[in-house]
């Protein structure tokens, strides 16, 4: 069974909707995800928002060397007989 996928850059995905989305983040977005560094470019920030809001069910960031931080907590996911690390977005409710 072949997989069907569409590839877009951040901005060109505007208006599209998918069941699931995989995002390969640019360097400024990696710093945002790993270190919560502000994305200072309005254009990058708005295109990243567009990319993140295309999925109905799930968004995955595909990146090298992700880090656990206050928003992304490390967990394990089973694929067949193998366990691999993944980082799940969660907010500790301190309100």
PDB file of N, CA and C in Angstrom:
ATOM      1  N   UNK A   1       0.848  -1.173   0.000  1.00  0.00           N
ATOM      2  CA  UNK A   1       0.000   0.000   0.000  1.00  0.00           C
ATOM      3  C   UNK A   1       0.892   1.234   0.000  1.00  0.00           C
ATOM      4  N   UNK A   2       0.703   2.100  -0.974  1.00  0.00           N
ATOM      5  CA  UNK A   2       1.476   3.328  -1.054  1.00  0.00           C
ATOM      6  C   UNK A   2       0.840   4.436  -0.247  1.00  0.00           C
ATOM      7  N   UNK A   3       1.662   5.318   0.227  1.00  0.00           N
ATOM      8  CA  UNK A   3       1.160   6.471   0.964  1.00  0.00           C
ATOM      9  C   UNK A   3       1.045   7.652   0.021  1.00  0.00           C
ATOM     10  N   UNK A   4       0.003   8.419   0.197  1.00  0.00           N
ATOM     11  CA  UNK A   4      -0.179   9.625  -0.592  1.00  0.00           C
ATOM     12  C   UNK A   4       0.073  10.810   0.326  1.00  0.00           C
ATOM     13  N   UNK A   5       0.973  11.678  -0.097  1.00  0.00           N
ATOM     14  CA  UNK A   5       1.199  12.875   0.697  1.00  0.00           C
ATOM     15  C   UNK A   5       1.427  14.051  -0.237  1.00  0.00           C
ATOM     16  N   UNK A   6       1.143  15.214   0.269  1.00  0.00           N
ATOM     17  CA  UNK A   6       1.359  16.456  -0.464  1.00  0.00           C
ATOM     18  C   UNK A   6       2.431  17.242   0.265  1.00  0.00           C
ATOM     19  N   UNK A   7       3.272  17.918  -0.485  1.00  0.00           N
ATOM     20  CA  UNK A   7       4.350  18.696   0.109  1.00  0.00           C
ATOM     21  C   UNK A   7       4.135  20.165  -0.236  1.00  0.00           C
ATOM     22  N   UNK A   8       4.165  21.002   0.805  1.00  0.00           N
ATOM     23  CA  UNK A   8       3.978  22.442   0.640  1.00  0.00           C
ATOM     24  C   UNK A   8       5.024  23.159   1.473  1.00  0.00           C
ATOM     25  N   UNK A   9       5.365  24.388   1.087  1.00  0.00           N
ATOM     26  CA  UNK A   9       6.100  25.205   2.042  1.00  0.00           C
ATOM     27  C   UNK A   9       5.069  25.852   2.959  1.00  0.00           C
ATOM     28  N   UNK A  10       5.520  26.455   4.040  1.00  0.00           N
ATOM     29  CA  UNK A  10       4.592  26.978   5.042  1.00  0.00           C
ATOM     30  C   UNK A  10       3.496  27.836   4.431  1.00  0.00           C
ATOM     31  N   UNK A  11       3.887  28.831   3.662  1.00  0.00           N
ATOM     32  CA  UNK A  11       2.927  29.798   3.137  1.00  0.00           C
ATOM     33  C   UNK A  11       1.959  29.218   2.128  1.00  0.00           C
ATOM     34  N   UNK A  12       2.418  28.279   1.314  1.00  0.00           N
ATOM     35  CA  UNK A  12       1.561  27.725   0.269  1.00  0.00           C
ATOM     36  C   UNK A  12       0.522  26.743   0.787  1.00  0.00           C
ATOM     37  N   UNK A  13       0.590  26.388   2.057  1.00  0.00           N
ATOM     38  CA  UNK A  13      -0.403  25.460   2.611  1.00  0.00           C
ATOM     39  C   UNK A  13      -1.672  26.183   3.066  1.00  0.00           C
ATOM     40  N   UNK A  14      -1.667  27.501   3.002  1.00  0.00           N
ATOM     41  CA  UNK A  14      -2.825  28.287   3.468  1.00  0.00           C
ATOM     42  C   UNK A  14      -4.093  27.848   2.750  1.00  0.00           C
ATOM     43  N   UNK A  15      -5.152  27.614   3.510  1.00  0.00           N
ATOM     44  CA  UNK A  15      -6.436  27.218   2.964  1.00  0.00           C
ATOM     45  C   UNK A  15      -6.615  25.721   2.827  1.00  0.00           C
ATOM     46  N   UNK A  16      -5.536  24.956   2.924  1.00  0.00           N
ATOM     47  CA  UNK A  16      -5.619  23.495   2.792  1.00  0.00           C
ATOM     48  C   UNK A  16      -5.924  22.879   4.153  1.00  0.00           C
ATOM     49  N   UNK A  17      -6.547  21.705   4.146  1.00  0.00           N
ATOM     50  CA  UNK A  17      -6.817  20.954   5.370  1.00  0.00           C
ATOM     51  C   UNK A  17      -6.421  19.506   5.137  1.00  0.00           C
ATOM     52  N   UNK A  18      -5.756  18.909   6.128  1.00  0.00           N
ATOM     53  CA  UNK A  18      -5.296  17.525   6.042  1.00  0.00           C
ATOM     54  C   UNK A  18      -5.650  16.802   7.337  1.00  0.00           C
ATOM     55  N   UNK A  19      -5.732  15.494   7.288  1.00  0.00           N
ATOM     56  CA  UNK A  19      -5.977  14.711   8.502  1.00  0.00           C
ATOM     57  C   UNK A  19      -4.816  14.870   9.481  1.00  0.00           C
ATOM     58  N   UNK A  20      -3.599  14.749   8.967  1.00  0.00           N
ATOM     59  CA  UNK A  20      -2.394  14.853   9.778  1.00  0.00           C
ATOM     60  C   UNK A  20      -1.358  15.663   9.007  1.00  0.00           C
ATOM     61  N   UNK A  21      -0.486  16.350   9.746  1.00  0.00           N
ATOM     62  CA  UNK A  21       0.511  17.191   9.116  1.00  0.00           C
ATOM     63  C   UNK A  21       1.879  16.931   9.752  1.00  0.00           C
ATOM     64  N   UNK A  22       2.897  16.828   8.915  1.00  0.00           N
ATOM     65  CA  UNK A  22       4.284  16.760   9.372  1.00  0.00           C
ATOM     66  C   UNK A  22       4.949  18.056   8.946  1.00  0.00           C
ATOM     67  N   UNK A  23       5.551  18.746   9.899  1.00  0.00           N
ATOM     68  CA  UNK A  23       6.216  20.019   9.631  1.00  0.00           C
ATOM     69  C   UNK A  23       7.714  19.840   9.846  1.00  0.00           C
ATOM     70  N   UNK A  24       8.487  20.243   8.866  1.00  0.00           N
ATOM     71  CA  UNK A  24       9.942  20.287   9.016  1.00  0.00           C
ATOM     72  C   UNK A  24      10.273  21.751   9.288  1.00  0.00           C
ATOM     73  N   UNK A  25      10.546  22.080  10.564  1.00  0.00           N
ATOM     74  CA  UNK A  25      10.684  23.487  10.926  1.00  0.00           C
ATOM     75  C   UNK A  25      11.992  24.114  10.436  1.00  0.00           C
ATOM     76  N   UNK A  26      11.909  25.414  10.125  1.00  0.00           N
ATOM     77  CA  UNK A  26      13.095  26.203   9.803  1.00  0.00           C
ATOM     78  C   UNK A  26      13.813  26.535  11.106  1.00  0.00           C
ATOM     79  N   UNK A  27      15.039  27.031  11.012  1.00  0.00           N
ATOM     80  CA  UNK A  27      15.894  27.244  12.195  1.00  0.00           C
ATOM     81  C   UNK A  27      15.231  28.121  13.257  1.00  0.00           C
ATOM     82  N   UNK A  28      14.572  29.214  12.859  1.00  0.00           N
ATOM     83  CA  UNK A  28      13.953  30.082  13.871  1.00  0.00           C
ATOM     84  C   UNK A  28      12.807  29.376  14.589  1.00  0.00           C
ATOM     85  N   UNK A  29      12.125  28.486  13.906  1.00  0.00           N
ATOM     86  CA  UNK A  29      11.047  27.733  14.535  1.00  0.00           C
ATOM     87  C   UNK A  29      11.618  26.653  15.449  1.00  0.00           C
ATOM     88  N   UNK A  30      12.749  26.056  15.075  1.00  0.00           N
ATOM     89  CA  UNK A  30      13.412  25.082  15.952  1.00  0.00           C
ATOM     90  C   UNK A  30      13.797  25.749  17.268  1.00  0.00           C
ATOM     91  N   UNK A  31      14.330  26.962  17.206  1.00  0.00           N
ATOM     92  CA  UNK A  31      14.677  27.696  18.436  1.00  0.00           C
ATOM     93  C   UNK A  31      13.434  28.004  19.266  1.00  0.00           C
ATOM     94  N   UNK A  32      12.326  28.275  18.605  1.00  0.00           N
ATOM     95  CA  UNK A  32      11.064  28.501  19.307  1.00  0.00           C
ATOM     96  C   UNK A  32      10.613  27.230  20.019  1.00  0.00           C
ATOM     97  N   UNK A  33      10.665  26.091  19.324  1.00  0.00           N
ATOM     98  CA  UNK A  33      10.212  24.824  19.895  1.00  0.00           C
ATOM     99  C   UNK A  33      11.136  24.378  21.028  1.00  0.00           C
ATOM    100  N   UNK A  34      12.442  24.397  20.793  1.00  0.00           N
ATOM    101  CA  UNK A  34      13.390  23.873  21.785  1.00  0.00           C
ATOM    102  C   UNK A  34      13.637  24.817  22.950  1.00  0.00           C
ATOM    103  N   UNK A  35      13.689  26.117  22.684  1.00  0.00           N
ATOM    104  CA  UNK A  35      14.147  27.067  23.710  1.00  0.00           C
ATOM    105  C   UNK A  35      13.140  28.174  24.001  1.00  0.00           C
ATOM    106  N   UNK A  36      11.977  28.118  23.384  1.00  0.00           N
ATOM    107  CA  UNK A  36      10.932  29.119  23.527  1.00  0.00           C
ATOM    108  C   UNK A  36      11.441  30.523  23.158  1.00  0.00           C
ATOM    109  N   UNK A  37      12.412  30.598  22.220  1.00  0.00           N
ATOM    110  CA  UNK A  37      12.871  31.895  21.719  1.00  0.00           C
ATOM    111  C   UNK A  37      11.789  32.464  20.814  1.00  0.00           C
ATOM    112  N   UNK A  38      11.488  33.726  21.007  1.00  0.00           N
ATOM    113  CA  UNK A  38      10.438  34.380  20.238  1.00  0.00           C
ATOM    114  C   UNK A  38      10.787  34.390  18.755  1.00  0.00           C
ATOM    115  N   UNK A  39       9.795  34.146  17.925  1.00  0.00           N
ATOM    116  CA  UNK A  39       9.951  34.282  16.475  1.00  0.00           C
ATOM    117  C   UNK A  39       9.711  35.753  16.177  1.00  0.00           C
ATOM    118  N   UNK A  40      10.757  36.475  15.814  1.00  0.00           N
ATOM    119  CA  UNK A  40      10.646  37.925  15.665  1.00  0.00           C
ATOM    120  C   UNK A  40      10.106  38.353  14.306  1.00  0.00           C
ATOM    121  N   UNK A  41      10.257  37.520  13.305  1.00  0.00           N
ATOM    122  CA  UNK A  41       9.757  37.864  11.977  1.00  0.00           C
ATOM    123  C   UNK A  41       8.252  37.622  11.909  1.00  0.00           C
ATOM    124  N   UNK A  42       7.501  38.677  11.613  1.00  0.00           N
ATOM    125  CA  UNK A  42       6.045  38.527  11.489  1.00  0.00           C
ATOM    126  C   UNK A  42       5.692  37.538  10.386  1.00  0.00           C
ATOM    127  N   UNK A  43       6.438  37.558   9.304  1.00  0.00           N
ATOM    128  CA  UNK A  43       6.164  36.654   8.185  1.00  0.00           C
ATOM    129  C   UNK A  43       6.387  35.194   8.595  1.00  0.00           C
ATOM    130  N   UNK A  44       7.502  34.905   9.268  1.00  0.00           N
ATOM    131  CA  UNK A  44       7.765  33.536   9.727  1.00  0.00           C
ATOM    132  C   UNK A  44       6.714  33.097  10.722  1.00  0.00           C
ATOM    133  N   UNK A  45       6.370  33.977  11.661  1.00  0.00           N
ATOM    134  CA  UNK A  45       5.372  33.651  12.687  1.00  0.00           C
ATOM    135  C   UNK A  45       4.017  33.335  12.048  1.00  0.00           C
ATOM    136  N   UNK A  46       3.585  34.144  11.092  1.00  0.00           N
ATOM    137  CA  UNK A  46       2.273  33.911  10.490  1.00  0.00           C
ATOM    138  C   UNK A  46       2.282  32.664   9.609  1.00  0.00           C
ATOM    139  N   UNK A  47       3.367  32.407   8.888  1.00  0.00           N
ATOM    140  CA  UNK A  47       3.430  31.199   8.057  1.00  0.00           C
ATOM    141  C   UNK A  47       3.518  29.939   8.918  1.00  0.00           C
ATOM    142  N   UNK A  48       4.206  30.017  10.047  1.00  0.00           N
ATOM    143  CA  UNK A  48       4.271  28.885  10.975  1.00  0.00           C
ATOM    144  C   UNK A  48       2.876  28.604  11.545  1.00  0.00           C
ATOM    145  N   UNK A  49       2.139  29.636  11.880  1.00  0.00           N
ATOM    146  CA  UNK A  49       0.762  29.471  12.352  1.00  0.00           C
ATOM    147  C   UNK A  49      -0.081  28.766  11.293  1.00  0.00           C
ATOM    148  N   UNK A  50       0.038  29.199  10.052  1.00  0.00           N
ATOM    149  CA  UNK A  50      -0.706  28.566   8.961  1.00  0.00           C
ATOM    150  C   UNK A  50      -0.351  27.084   8.888  1.00  0.00           C
ATOM    151  N   UNK A  51       0.936  26.759   8.929  1.00  0.00           N
ATOM    152  CA  UNK A  51       1.368  25.354   8.844  1.00  0.00           C
ATOM    153  C   UNK A  51       0.796  24.532   9.997  1.00  0.00           C
ATOM    154  N   UNK A  52       0.809  25.093  11.194  1.00  0.00           N
ATOM    155  CA  UNK A  52       0.339  24.354  12.378  1.00  0.00           C
ATOM    156  C   UNK A  52      -1.171  24.158  12.404  1.00  0.00           C
ATOM    157  N   UNK A  53      -1.900  24.936  11.675  1.00  0.00           N
ATOM    158  CA  UNK A  53      -3.356  24.850  11.727  1.00  0.00           C
ATOM    159  C   UNK A  53      -3.956  24.143  10.510  1.00  0.00           C
ATOM    160  N   UNK A  54      -3.164  23.392   9.768  1.00  0.00           N
ATOM    161  CA  UNK A  54      -3.669  22.670   8.589  1.00  0.00           C
ATOM    162  C   UNK A  54      -4.244  21.309   8.948  1.00  0.00           C
ATOM    163  N   UNK A  55      -3.890  20.760  10.086  1.00  0.00           N
ATOM    164  CA  UNK A  55      -4.263  19.381  10.422  1.00  0.00           C
ATOM    165  C   UNK A  55      -5.567  19.318  11.200  1.00  0.00           C
ATOM    166  N   UNK A  56      -6.376  18.311  10.874  1.00  0.00           N
ATOM    167  CA  UNK A  56      -7.595  18.041  11.651  1.00  0.00           C
ATOM    168  C   UNK A  56      -7.263  17.319  12.949  1.00  0.00           C
ATOM    169  N   UNK A  57      -6.288  16.390  12.907  1.00  0.00           N
ATOM    170  CA  UNK A  57      -6.052  15.510  14.052  1.00  0.00           C
ATOM    171  C   UNK A  57      -4.695  15.682  14.728  1.00  0.00           C
ATOM    172  N   UNK A  58      -3.611  15.765  13.968  1.00  0.00           N
ATOM    173  CA  UNK A  58      -2.306  15.819  14.628  1.00  0.00           C
ATOM    174  C   UNK A  58      -1.281  16.558  13.791  1.00  0.00           C
ATOM    175  N   UNK A  59      -0.340  17.171  14.493  1.00  0.00           N
ATOM    176  CA  UNK A  59       0.794  17.860  13.880  1.00  0.00           C
ATOM    177  C   UNK A  59       2.057  17.258  14.485  1.00  0.00           C
ATOM    178  N   UNK A  60       3.010  16.940  13.627  1.00  0.00           N
ATOM    179  CA  UNK A  60       4.293  16.399  14.060  1.00  0.00           C
ATOM    180  C   UNK A  60       5.385  17.315  13.538  1.00  0.00           C
ATOM    181  N   UNK A  61       6.363  17.624  14.390  1.00  0.00           N
ATOM    182  CA  UNK A  61       7.543  18.364  13.956  1.00  0.00           C
ATOM    183  C   UNK A  61       8.658  17.354  13.760  1.00  0.00           C
ATOM    184  N   UNK A  62       9.181  17.240  12.545  1.00  0.00           N
ATOM    185  CA  UNK A  62      10.282  16.335  12.249  1.00  0.00           C
ATOM    186  C   UNK A  62      11.575  17.141  12.341  1.00  0.00           C
ATOM    187  N   UNK A  63      12.392  16.822  13.354  1.00  0.00           N
ATOM    188  CA  UNK A  63      13.611  17.598  13.571  1.00  0.00           C
ATOM    189  C   UNK A  63      14.667  16.765  14.270  1.00  0.00           C
ATOM    190  N   UNK A  64      15.915  17.123  14.050  1.00  0.00           N
ATOM    191  CA  UNK A  64      17.029  16.469  14.711  1.00  0.00           C
ATOM    192  C   UNK A  64      17.173  17.004  16.132  1.00  0.00           C
ATOM    193  N   UNK A  65      17.561  16.154  17.042  1.00  0.00           N
ATOM    194  CA  UNK A  65      17.914  16.527  18.411  1.00  0.00           C
ATOM    195  C   UNK A  65      16.867  17.373  19.142  1.00  0.00           C
ATOM    196  N   UNK A  66      15.620  16.913  19.179  1.00  0.00           N
ATOM    197  CA  UNK A  66      14.634  17.666  19.965  1.00  0.00           C
ATOM    198  C   UNK A  66      14.982  17.590  21.447  1.00  0.00           C
ATOM    199  N   UNK A  67      14.484  18.540  22.220  1.00  0.00           N
ATOM    200  CA  UNK A  67      14.765  18.581  23.656  1.00  0.00           C
ATOM    201  C   UNK A  67      13.472  18.668  24.444  1.00  0.00           C
ATOM    202  N   UNK A  68      13.466  17.980  25.555  1.00  0.00           N
ATOM    203  CA  UNK A  68      12.338  18.138  26.467  1.00  0.00           C
ATOM    204  C   UNK A  68      12.428  19.525  27.084  1.00  0.00           C
ATOM    205  N   UNK A  69      11.284  20.164  27.240  1.00  0.00           N
ATOM    206  CA  UNK A  69      11.229  21.462  27.899  1.00  0.00           C
ATOM    207  C   UNK A  69       9.861  21.607  28.558  1.00  0.00           C
ATOM    208  N   UNK A  70       9.524  22.781  29.000  1.00  0.00           N
ATOM    209  CA  UNK A  70       8.270  22.926  29.747  1.00  0.00           C
ATOM    210  C   UNK A  70       7.030  22.689  28.894  1.00  0.00           C
ATOM    211  N   UNK A  71       7.147  22.686  27.567  1.00  0.00           N
ATOM    212  CA  UNK A  71       5.996  22.451  26.696  1.00  0.00           C
ATOM    213  C   UNK A  71       6.005  21.085  26.025  1.00  0.00           C
ATOM    214  N   UNK A  72       7.171  20.532  25.786  1.00  0.00           N
ATOM    215  CA  UNK A  72       7.294  19.246  25.104  1.00  0.00           C
ATOM    216  C   UNK A  72       7.915  18.235  26.061  1.00  0.00           C
ATOM    217  N   UNK A  73       7.130  17.238  26.463  1.00  0.00           N
ATOM    218  CA  UNK A  73       7.575  16.226  27.425  1.00  0.00           C
ATOM    219  C   UNK A  73       7.895  14.930  26.700  1.00  0.00           C
ATOM    220  N   UNK A  74       9.048  14.356  27.040  1.00  0.00           N
ATOM    221  CA  UNK A  74       9.458  13.127  26.375  1.00  0.00           C
ATOM    222  C   UNK A  74       8.577  11.953  26.801  1.00  0.00           C
ATOM    223  N   UNK A  75       8.195  11.164  25.813  1.00  0.00           N
ATOM    224  CA  UNK A  75       7.452   9.927  26.009  1.00  0.00           C
ATOM    225  C   UNK A  75       8.019   8.900  25.039  1.00  0.00           C
ATOM    226  N   UNK A  76       7.568   7.682  25.138  1.00  0.00           N
ATOM    227  CA  UNK A  76       7.994   6.623  24.216  1.00  0.00           C
ATOM    228  C   UNK A  76       6.804   6.213  23.361  1.00  0.00           C
ATOM    229  N   UNK A  77       7.077   5.883  22.124  1.00  0.00           N
ATOM    230  CA  UNK A  77       6.041   5.387  21.232  1.00  0.00           C
ATOM    231  C   UNK A  77       6.520   4.059  20.658  1.00  0.00           C
ATOM    232  N   UNK A  78       5.621   3.109  20.591  1.00  0.00           N
ATOM    233  CA  UNK A  78       5.959   1.787  20.065  1.00  0.00           C
ATOM    234  C   UNK A  78       5.646   1.742  18.571  1.00  0.00           C
ATOM    235  N   UNK A  79       6.626   1.324  17.794  1.00  0.00           N
ATOM    236  CA  UNK A  79       6.445   1.075  16.365  1.00  0.00           C
ATOM    237  C   UNK A  79       6.921  -0.348  16.131  1.00  0.00           C
ATOM    238  N   UNK A  80       5.968  -1.244  15.937  1.00  0.00           N
ATOM    239  CA  UNK A  80       6.303  -2.666  15.864  1.00  0.00           C
ATOM    240  C   UNK A  80       6.847  -3.113  17.207  1.00  0.00           C
ATOM    241  N   UNK A  81       8.038  -3.674  17.205  1.00  0.00           N
ATOM    242  CA  UNK A  81       8.693  -4.120  18.436  1.00  0.00           C
ATOM    243  C   UNK A  81       9.681  -3.093  18.989  1.00  0.00           C
ATOM    244  N   UNK A  82       9.773  -1.936  18.358  1.00  0.00           N
ATOM    245  CA  UNK A  82      10.755  -0.923  18.758  1.00  0.00           C
ATOM    246  C   UNK A  82      10.084   0.237  19.480  1.00  0.00           C
ATOM    247  N   UNK A  83      10.780   0.755  20.459  1.00  0.00           N
ATOM    248  CA  UNK A  83      10.328   1.924  21.193  1.00  0.00           C
ATOM    249  C   UNK A  83      11.223   3.097  20.783  1.00  0.00           C
ATOM    250  N   UNK A  84      10.615   4.196  20.388  1.00  0.00           N
ATOM    251  CA  UNK A  84      11.397   5.374  20.025  1.00  0.00           C
ATOM    252  C   UNK A  84      10.910   6.563  20.844  1.00  0.00           C
ATOM    253  N   UNK A  85      11.810   7.519  21.119  1.00  0.00           N
ATOM    254  CA  UNK A  85      11.389   8.688  21.888  1.00  0.00           C
ATOM    255  C   UNK A  85      10.587   9.647  21.026  1.00  0.00           C
ATOM    256  N   UNK A  86       9.646  10.310  21.647  1.00  0.00           N
ATOM    257  CA  UNK A  86       8.886  11.379  21.017  1.00  0.00           C
ATOM    258  C   UNK A  86       8.600  12.409  22.092  1.00  0.00           C
ATOM    259  N   UNK A  87       8.266  13.589  21.668  1.00  0.00           N
ATOM    260  CA  UNK A  87       8.014  14.681  22.594  1.00  0.00           C
ATOM    261  C   UNK A  87       6.608  15.201  22.368  1.00  0.00           C
ATOM    262  N   UNK A  88       5.779  15.091  23.372  1.00  0.00           N
ATOM    263  CA  UNK A  88       4.369  15.464  23.262  1.00  0.00           C
ATOM    264  C   UNK A  88       4.155  16.839  23.875  1.00  0.00           C
ATOM    265  N   UNK A  89       3.440  17.679  23.136  1.00  0.00           N
ATOM    266  CA  UNK A  89       3.111  19.011  23.622  1.00  0.00           C
ATOM    267  C   UNK A  89       2.100  18.899  24.748  1.00  0.00           C
ATOM    268  N   UNK A  90       2.400  19.532  25.850  1.00  0.00           N
ATOM    269  CA  UNK A  90       1.435  19.599  26.944  1.00  0.00           C
ATOM    270  C   UNK A  90       1.741  20.823  27.792  1.00  0.00           C
ATOM    271  N   UNK A  91       0.706  21.379  28.321  1.00  0.00           N
ATOM    272  CA  UNK A  91       0.838  22.542  29.191  1.00  0.00           C
ATOM    273  C   UNK A  91       0.474  22.108  30.600  1.00  0.00           C
ATOM    274  N   UNK A  92       1.373  22.365  31.533  1.00  0.00           N
ATOM    275  CA  UNK A  92       1.055  22.126  32.924  1.00  0.00           C
ATOM    276  C   UNK A  92       0.098  23.223  33.354  1.00  0.00           C
ATOM    277  N   UNK A  93      -1.082  22.838  33.799  1.00  0.00           N
ATOM    278  CA  UNK A  93      -2.101  23.814  34.163  1.00  0.00           C
ATOM    279  C   UNK A  93      -1.772  24.419  35.523  1.00  0.00           C
ATOM    280  N   UNK A  94      -1.156  25.605  35.494  1.00  0.00           N
ATOM    281  CA  UNK A  94      -0.776  26.288  36.740  1.00  0.00           C
ATOM    282  C   UNK A  94      -1.696  27.456  37.021  1.00  0.00           C
ATOM    283  N   UNK A  95      -2.819  27.516  36.345  1.00  0.00           N
ATOM    284  CA  UNK A  95      -3.722  28.665  36.529  1.00  0.00           C
ATOM    285  C   UNK A  95      -4.506  28.552  37.787  1.00  0.00           C
TER     286      UNK A  95
END
